[in-house]
C-alpha atoms as a PDB file:
ATOM      1  CA  MET A   1     -12.893  12.915 -20.937  1.00  0.00           C
ATOM      2  CA  LYS A   2      -9.623  13.685 -19.165  1.00  0.00           C
ATOM      3  CA  LEU A   3      -9.726  15.171 -15.657  1.00  0.00           C
ATOM      4  CA  THR A   4      -7.007  16.182 -13.240  1.00  0.00           C
ATOM      5  CA  VAL A   5      -7.883  14.921  -9.764  1.00  0.00           C
ATOM      6  CA  ASN A   6      -6.252  15.333  -6.375  1.00  0.00           C
ATOM      7  CA  PHE A   7      -6.313  13.127  -3.306  1.00  0.00           C
ATOM      8  CA  ALA A   8      -4.309  12.918  -0.111  1.00  0.00           C
ATOM      9  CA  SER A   9      -1.615  10.408   0.724  1.00  0.00           C
ATOM     10  CA  GLN A  10       0.537  10.611   3.837  1.00  0.00           C
ATOM     11  CA  GLY A  11      -0.392  14.215   4.473  1.00  0.00           C
ATOM     12  CA  ARG A  12       0.501  15.365   0.974  1.00  0.00           C
ATOM     13  CA  LEU A  13      -1.563  16.033  -2.090  1.00  0.00           C
ATOM     14  CA  LEU A  14      -1.249  13.663  -5.039  1.00  0.00           C
ATOM     15  CA  GLU A  15      -2.301  14.569  -8.548  1.00  0.00           C
ATOM     16  CA  GLY A  16      -3.727  12.057 -10.949  1.00  0.00           C
ATOM     17  CA  THR A  17      -5.139  11.906 -14.431  1.00  0.00           C
ATOM     18  CA  LEU A  18      -8.576  10.355 -14.521  1.00  0.00           C
ATOM     19  CA  TYR A  19      -9.933   9.224 -17.881  1.00  0.00           C
ATOM     20  CA  LEU A  20     -13.715   8.913 -18.059  1.00  0.00           C
ATOM     21  CA  PRO A  21     -15.285   7.043 -20.959  1.00  0.00           C
ATOM     22  CA  GLU A  22     -18.254   8.255 -22.902  1.00  0.00           C
ATOM     23  CA  SER A  23     -20.734   5.771 -21.485  1.00  0.00           C
ATOM     24  CA  ASN A  24     -24.416   5.550 -20.691  1.00  0.00           C
ATOM     25  CA  GLU A  25     -23.761   3.483 -17.574  1.00  0.00           C
ATOM     26  CA  ASP A  26     -24.114   5.228 -14.210  1.00  0.00           C
ATOM     27  CA  VAL A  27     -21.500   3.089 -12.468  1.00  0.00           C
ATOM     28  CA  LEU A  28     -18.435   1.736 -14.238  1.00  0.00           C
ATOM     29  CA  ALA A  29     -15.539  -0.620 -13.672  1.00  0.00           C
ATOM     30  CA  ALA A  30     -12.277   1.189 -12.936  1.00  0.00           C
ATOM     31  CA  CYS A  31      -8.596   0.558 -13.301  1.00  0.00           C
ATOM     32  CA  LEU A  32      -5.499   1.963 -11.615  1.00  0.00           C
ATOM     33  CA  PHE A  33      -2.473   2.003 -13.911  1.00  0.00           C
ATOM     34  CA  GLU A  34       0.942   1.777 -12.311  1.00  0.00           C
ATOM     35  CA  GLY A  35       4.315   1.918 -14.059  1.00  0.00           C
ATOM     36  CA  ALA A  36       7.907   2.770 -13.408  1.00  0.00           C
ATOM     37  CA  MET A  37       8.867   6.156 -12.021  1.00  0.00           C
ATOM     38  CA  THR A  38       9.950   7.739 -15.294  1.00  0.00           C
ATOM     39  CA  GLY A  39      10.862   7.130 -18.903  1.00  0.00           C
ATOM     40  CA  ALA A  40       9.179   5.217 -21.685  1.00  0.00           C
ATOM     41  CA  THR A  41       7.095   3.197 -19.232  1.00  0.00           C
ATOM     42  CA  ALA A  42       5.219   6.376 -18.277  1.00  0.00           C
ATOM     43  CA  GLN A  43       4.273   6.838 -21.936  1.00  0.00           C
ATOM     44  CA  VAL A  44       3.119   3.213 -22.165  1.00  0.00           C
ATOM     45  CA  VAL A  45       1.014   3.565 -19.002  1.00  0.00           C
ATOM     46  CA  ASP A  46      -0.643   6.766 -20.230  1.00  0.00           C
ATOM     47  CA  TYR A  47      -1.344   5.254 -23.655  1.00  0.00           C
ATOM     48  CA  LEU A  48      -2.886   2.105 -22.157  1.00  0.00           C
ATOM     49  CA  ALA A  49      -5.003   4.108 -19.709  1.00  0.00           C
ATOM     50  CA  ARG A  50      -6.422   6.309 -22.472  1.00  0.00           C
ATOM     51  CA  GLN A  51      -7.181   3.367 -24.748  1.00  0.00           C
ATOM     52  CA  VAL A  52      -8.782   1.233 -22.021  1.00  0.00           C
ATOM     53  CA  SER A  53     -10.925   4.214 -21.026  1.00  0.00           C
ATOM     54  CA  HIS A  54     -12.170   4.508 -24.619  1.00  0.00           C
ATOM     55  CA  GLN A  55     -13.494   0.951 -24.177  1.00  0.00           C
ATOM     56  CA  GLY A  56     -15.794   1.915 -21.281  1.00  0.00           C
ATOM     57  CA  PHE A  57     -13.622   1.924 -18.151  1.00  0.00           C
ATOM     58  CA  VAL A  58     -12.696   4.690 -15.720  1.00  0.00           C
ATOM     59  CA  THR A  59      -8.887   4.746 -15.600  1.00  0.00           C
ATOM     60  CA  LEU A  60      -6.484   6.511 -13.235  1.00  0.00           C
ATOM     61  CA  VAL A  61      -2.791   7.303 -13.658  1.00  0.00           C
ATOM     62  CA  MET A  62      -1.154   9.138 -10.766  1.00  0.00           C
ATOM     63  CA  ASP A  63       1.955  11.102 -10.000  1.00  0.00           C
ATOM     64  CA  HIS A  64       3.529   9.757  -6.825  1.00  0.00           C
ATOM     65  CA  ASN A  65       4.863  11.823  -3.989  1.00  0.00           C
ATOM     66  CA  TYR A  66       8.629  11.705  -4.265  1.00  0.00           C
ATOM     67  CA  PHE A  67       9.065  13.167  -0.813  1.00  0.00           C
ATOM     68  CA  GLY A  68      11.340  16.128  -1.502  1.00  0.00           C
ATOM     69  CA  ASP A  69      10.878  19.646  -0.146  1.00  0.00           C
ATOM     70  CA  ASP A  70       9.077  20.647  -3.348  1.00  0.00           C
ATOM     71  CA  GLU A  71       5.997  18.450  -3.774  1.00  0.00           C
ATOM     72  CA  THR A  72       5.961  19.085  -7.518  1.00  0.00           C
ATOM     73  CA  ALA A  73       9.570  18.100  -8.203  1.00  0.00           C
ATOM     74  CA  PRO A  74      10.481  14.456  -8.789  1.00  0.00           C
ATOM     75  CA  GLN A  75      13.389  13.222  -6.727  1.00  0.00           C
ATOM     76  CA  PRO A  76      16.129  10.776  -7.787  1.00  0.00           C
ATOM     77  CA  TRP A  77      14.942   8.117  -5.295  1.00  0.00           C
ATOM     78  CA  GLU A  78      11.743   6.691  -3.967  1.00  0.00           C
ATOM     79  CA  SER A  79      10.643   4.822  -0.887  1.00  0.00           C
ATOM     80  CA  PRO A  80       8.886   1.518  -1.672  1.00  0.00           C
ATOM     81  CA  PHE A  81       6.789   1.829   1.505  1.00  0.00           C
ATOM     82  CA  LYS A  82       5.697   5.372   0.670  1.00  0.00           C
ATOM     83  CA  ARG A  83       4.959   4.455  -2.938  1.00  0.00           C
ATOM     84  CA  LEU A  84       2.778   1.596  -1.725  1.00  0.00           C
ATOM     85  CA  GLN A  85       0.911   4.049   0.502  1.00  0.00           C
ATOM     86  CA  ASP A  86       0.299   6.272  -2.547  1.00  0.00           C
ATOM     87  CA  ILE A  87      -1.119   3.296  -4.454  1.00  0.00           C
ATOM     88  CA  LEU A  88      -3.440   2.441  -1.579  1.00  0.00           C
ATOM     89  CA  ALA A  89      -4.596   6.086  -1.443  1.00  0.00           C
ATOM     90  CA  ALA A  90      -5.317   5.980  -5.197  1.00  0.00           C
ATOM     91  CA  LEU A  91      -7.329   2.784  -4.773  1.00  0.00           C
ATOM     92  CA  HIS A  92      -9.369   4.399  -2.006  1.00  0.00           C
ATOM     93  CA  PHE A  93      -9.937   7.398  -4.279  1.00  0.00           C
ATOM     94  CA  LEU A  94     -11.307   5.103  -6.992  1.00  0.00           C
ATOM     95  CA  GLU A  95     -13.428   3.199  -4.485  1.00  0.00           C
ATOM     96  CA  ASP A  96     -15.019   6.454  -3.313  1.00  0.00           C
ATOM     97  CA  TYR A  97     -15.412   8.025  -6.760  1.00  0.00           C
ATOM     98  CA  GLY A  98     -19.132   8.252  -7.562  1.00  0.00           C
ATOM     99  CA  GLU A  99     -18.979   6.831 -11.100  1.00  0.00           C
ATOM    100  CA  VAL A 100     -17.002   3.731 -10.047  1.00  0.00           C
ATOM    101  CA  ASP A 101     -18.437   0.393  -8.953  1.00  0.00           C
ATOM    102  CA  LYS A 102     -16.258  -0.394  -5.928  1.00  0.00           C
ATOM    103  CA  ASN A 103     -16.680  -4.109  -6.643  1.00  0.00           C
ATOM    104  CA  ARG A 104     -15.156  -3.756 -10.121  1.00  0.00           C
ATOM    105  CA  ILE A 105     -11.728  -2.185  -9.541  1.00  0.00           C
ATOM    106  CA  PHE A 106      -8.625  -3.775 -11.013  1.00  0.00           C
ATOM    107  CA  GLY A 107      -5.017  -2.778 -11.573  1.00  0.00           C
ATOM    108  CA  VAL A 108      -2.687  -2.795 -14.555  1.00  0.00           C
ATOM    109  CA  GLY A 109       1.014  -2.824 -13.756  1.00  0.00           C
ATOM    110  CA  VAL A 110       3.799  -2.124 -16.212  1.00  0.00           C
ATOM    111  CA  SER A 111       7.413  -2.846 -15.264  1.00  0.00           C
ATOM    112  CA  VAL A 112       8.012  -2.330 -11.541  1.00  0.00           C
ATOM    113  CA  GLY A 113       4.437  -1.054 -11.262  1.00  0.00           C
ATOM    114  CA  ALA A 114       3.267  -4.656 -11.484  1.00  0.00           C
ATOM    115  CA  GLU A 115       5.302  -5.526  -8.392  1.00  0.00           C
ATOM    116  CA  PHE A 116       3.818  -2.641  -6.433  1.00  0.00           C
ATOM    117  CA  LEU A 117       0.250  -3.546  -7.443  1.00  0.00           C
ATOM    118  CA  ALA A 118       0.869  -7.174  -6.475  1.00  0.00           C
ATOM    119  CA  GLU A 119       2.026  -6.011  -3.048  1.00  0.00           C
ATOM    120  CA  ALA A 120      -0.980  -3.674  -2.755  1.00  0.00           C
ATOM    121  CA  SER A 121      -3.312  -6.598  -3.508  1.00  0.00           C
ATOM    122  CA  LEU A 122      -1.958  -8.329  -0.409  1.00  0.00           C
ATOM    123  CA  ARG A 123      -2.817  -5.307   1.751  1.00  0.00           C
ATOM    124  CA  THR A 124      -6.310  -4.415   0.541  1.00  0.00           C
ATOM    125  CA  ASP A 125      -9.366  -6.107  -0.857  1.00  0.00           C
ATOM    126  CA  ILE A 126     -10.186  -3.159  -3.133  1.00  0.00           C
ATOM    127  CA  LEU A 127      -8.346  -4.764  -6.070  1.00  0.00           C
ATOM    128  CA  LYS A 128     -10.488  -7.464  -7.650  1.00  0.00           C
ATOM    129  CA  GLY A 129      -7.929  -8.412 -10.310  1.00  0.00           C
ATOM    130  CA  LEU A 130      -4.523  -7.594 -11.752  1.00  0.00           C
ATOM    131  CA  VAL A 131      -3.055  -7.357 -15.227  1.00  0.00           C
ATOM    132  CA  PHE A 132       0.717  -7.553 -15.600  1.00  0.00           C
ATOM    133  CA  VAL A 133       2.036  -5.970 -18.786  1.00  0.00           C
ATOM    134  CA  GLU A 134       5.242  -7.910 -19.324  1.00  0.00           C
ATOM    135  CA  SER A 135       8.380  -6.913 -21.167  1.00  0.00           C
ATOM    136  CA  PRO A 136      10.937  -9.528 -22.250  1.00  0.00           C
ATOM    137  CA  THR A 137      12.991  -8.913 -19.080  1.00  0.00           C
ATOM    138  CA  ASP A 138      10.117  -9.163 -16.568  1.00  0.00           C
ATOM    139  CA  ASP A 139       9.329 -12.128 -14.361  1.00  0.00           C
ATOM    140  CA  SER A 140       5.577 -11.567 -14.075  1.00  0.00           C
ATOM    141  CA  ARG A 141       4.565 -15.202 -14.379  1.00  0.00           C
ATOM    142  CA  ASN A 142       6.302 -16.081 -11.103  1.00  0.00           C
ATOM    143  CA  ARG A 143       4.748 -13.096  -9.306  1.00  0.00           C
ATOM    144  CA  ILE A 144       1.257 -13.900 -10.567  1.00  0.00           C
ATOM    145  CA  ALA A 145       1.405 -17.461  -9.235  1.00  0.00           C
ATOM    146  CA  ARG A 146       1.544 -16.148  -5.651  1.00  0.00           C
ATOM    147  CA  LEU A 147      -1.589 -13.979  -5.837  1.00  0.00           C
ATOM    148  CA  ASP A 148      -5.013 -14.800  -4.455  1.00  0.00           C
ATOM    149  CA  ILE A 149      -6.943 -12.658  -6.939  1.00  0.00           C
ATOM    150  CA  PRO A 150      -7.608 -13.203 -10.655  1.00  0.00           C
ATOM    151  CA  SER A 151      -4.581 -12.142 -12.685  1.00  0.00           C
ATOM    152  CA  ILE A 152      -3.260 -12.266 -16.224  1.00  0.00           C
ATOM    153  CA  VAL A 153       0.022 -11.515 -17.974  1.00  0.00           C
ATOM    154  CA  VAL A 154      -0.062  -9.690 -21.323  1.00  0.00           C
ATOM    155  CA  ASP A 155       2.842  -8.903 -23.641  1.00  0.00           C
ATOM    156  CA  GLU A 156       3.770  -5.241 -24.060  1.00  0.00           C
ATOM    157  CA  ALA A 157       5.382  -5.826 -27.458  1.00  0.00           C
ATOM    158  CA  HIS A 158       2.142  -4.937 -29.268  1.00  0.00           C
ATOM    159  CA  LEU A 159       0.285  -2.229 -27.356  1.00  0.00           C
ATOM    160  CA  GLU A 160      -2.920  -2.438 -29.417  1.00  0.00           C
ATOM    161  CA  THR A 161      -3.170  -6.139 -28.670  1.00  0.00           C
ATOM    162  CA  ALA A 162      -2.372  -5.469 -25.001  1.00  0.00           C
ATOM    163  CA  VAL A 163      -5.327  -3.056 -24.826  1.00  0.00           C
ATOM    164  CA  GLU A 164      -7.631  -5.660 -26.379  1.00  0.00           C
ATOM    165  CA  GLU A 165      -6.434  -8.330 -23.939  1.00  0.00           C
ATOM    166  CA  ILE A 166      -6.871  -6.044 -20.918  1.00  0.00           C
ATOM    167  CA  VAL A 167     -10.395  -5.055 -21.956  1.00  0.00           C
ATOM    168  CA  LEU A 168     -11.516  -8.599 -22.797  1.00  0.00           C
ATOM    169  CA  TRP A 169     -10.054  -9.954 -19.548  1.00  0.00           C
ATOM    170  CA  ALA A 170     -11.744  -7.241 -17.445  1.00  0.00           C
ATOM    171  CA  ARG A 171     -15.093  -7.732 -19.162  1.00  0.00           C
ATOM    172  CA  THR A 172     -14.830 -11.472 -18.563  1.00  0.00           C
ATOM    173  CA  LEU A 173     -13.791 -10.942 -14.937  1.00  0.00           C
ATOM    174  CA  PHE A 174     -16.702  -8.654 -14.194  1.00  0.00           C
ATOM    175  CA  GLY A 175     -19.258 -10.620 -16.185  1.00  0.00           C
ATOM    176  CA  SER A 176     -20.148  -8.034 -18.803  1.00  0.00           C
ATOM    177  CA  SER A 177     -22.598  -9.330 -21.352  1.00  0.00           C
ATOM    178  CA  ARG A 178     -21.910  -9.608 -25.066  1.00  0.00           C
ATOM    179  CA  GLU A 179     -24.921  -7.405 -25.743  1.00  0.00           C
ATOM    180  CA  GLU A 180     -23.294  -4.554 -23.802  1.00  0.00           C
ATOM    181  CA  HIS A 181     -19.957  -4.644 -25.570  1.00  0.00           C
ATOM    182  CA  GLY A 182     -20.491  -6.454 -28.831  1.00  0.00           C
ATOM    183  CA  SER A 183     -19.623 -10.021 -29.654  1.00  0.00           C
ATOM    184  CA  VAL A 184     -16.093 -11.329 -29.563  1.00  0.00           C
ATOM    185  CA  ASN A 185     -14.641 -12.792 -32.740  1.00  0.00           C
ATOM    186  CA  TRP A 186     -12.749 -15.864 -31.589  1.00  0.00           C
ATOM    187  CA  HIS A 187     -11.553 -16.745 -35.100  1.00  0.00           C
ATOM    188  CA  LEU A 188      -8.007 -15.603 -35.680  1.00  0.00           C
ATOM    189  CA  THR A 189      -6.847 -14.885 -39.197  1.00  0.00           C
ATOM    190  CA  ASP A 190      -3.652 -13.729 -40.814  1.00  0.00           C
ATOM    191  CA  GLU A 191      -5.336 -10.629 -42.198  1.00  0.00           C
END
């Protein structure tokens, strides 16, 4: 299910897209997706969020405040500090959302979004893990080495595989049982 949600950040109203899975669980793990400001990365982030949600996770993608006179109009610049504040507000929204287990919140960063989530992880203990979706020009492996929370780098070249890696990593991180989610086939084939 796709919902439009609103929450406050720095005295302004942010809008986000919350994807809720069809699940029998009362409380679920959740993920904040963060990408670049515009362009193809936004499409990648939305695709990943929808697909990860289909696998049993609450996912959130948000529109940041771009700090112009018109709150709905994107501006040609952004403030890193203000963007970080938006991310922290989104994490607090997830933490307070009734269907989310506040001890099972992680982030997925694509492009510069990974850098912002890494910085957010240094400022809050809400994030319990991070996934960096890496393009050929990213330097995620160096960023991940400096973090104090569980993290993984996945390749964005094959989005279906990236979804599988994100889901498997999160289920492993949060200790989900094989009975809940089906067994994992560890045998790779060329088929």
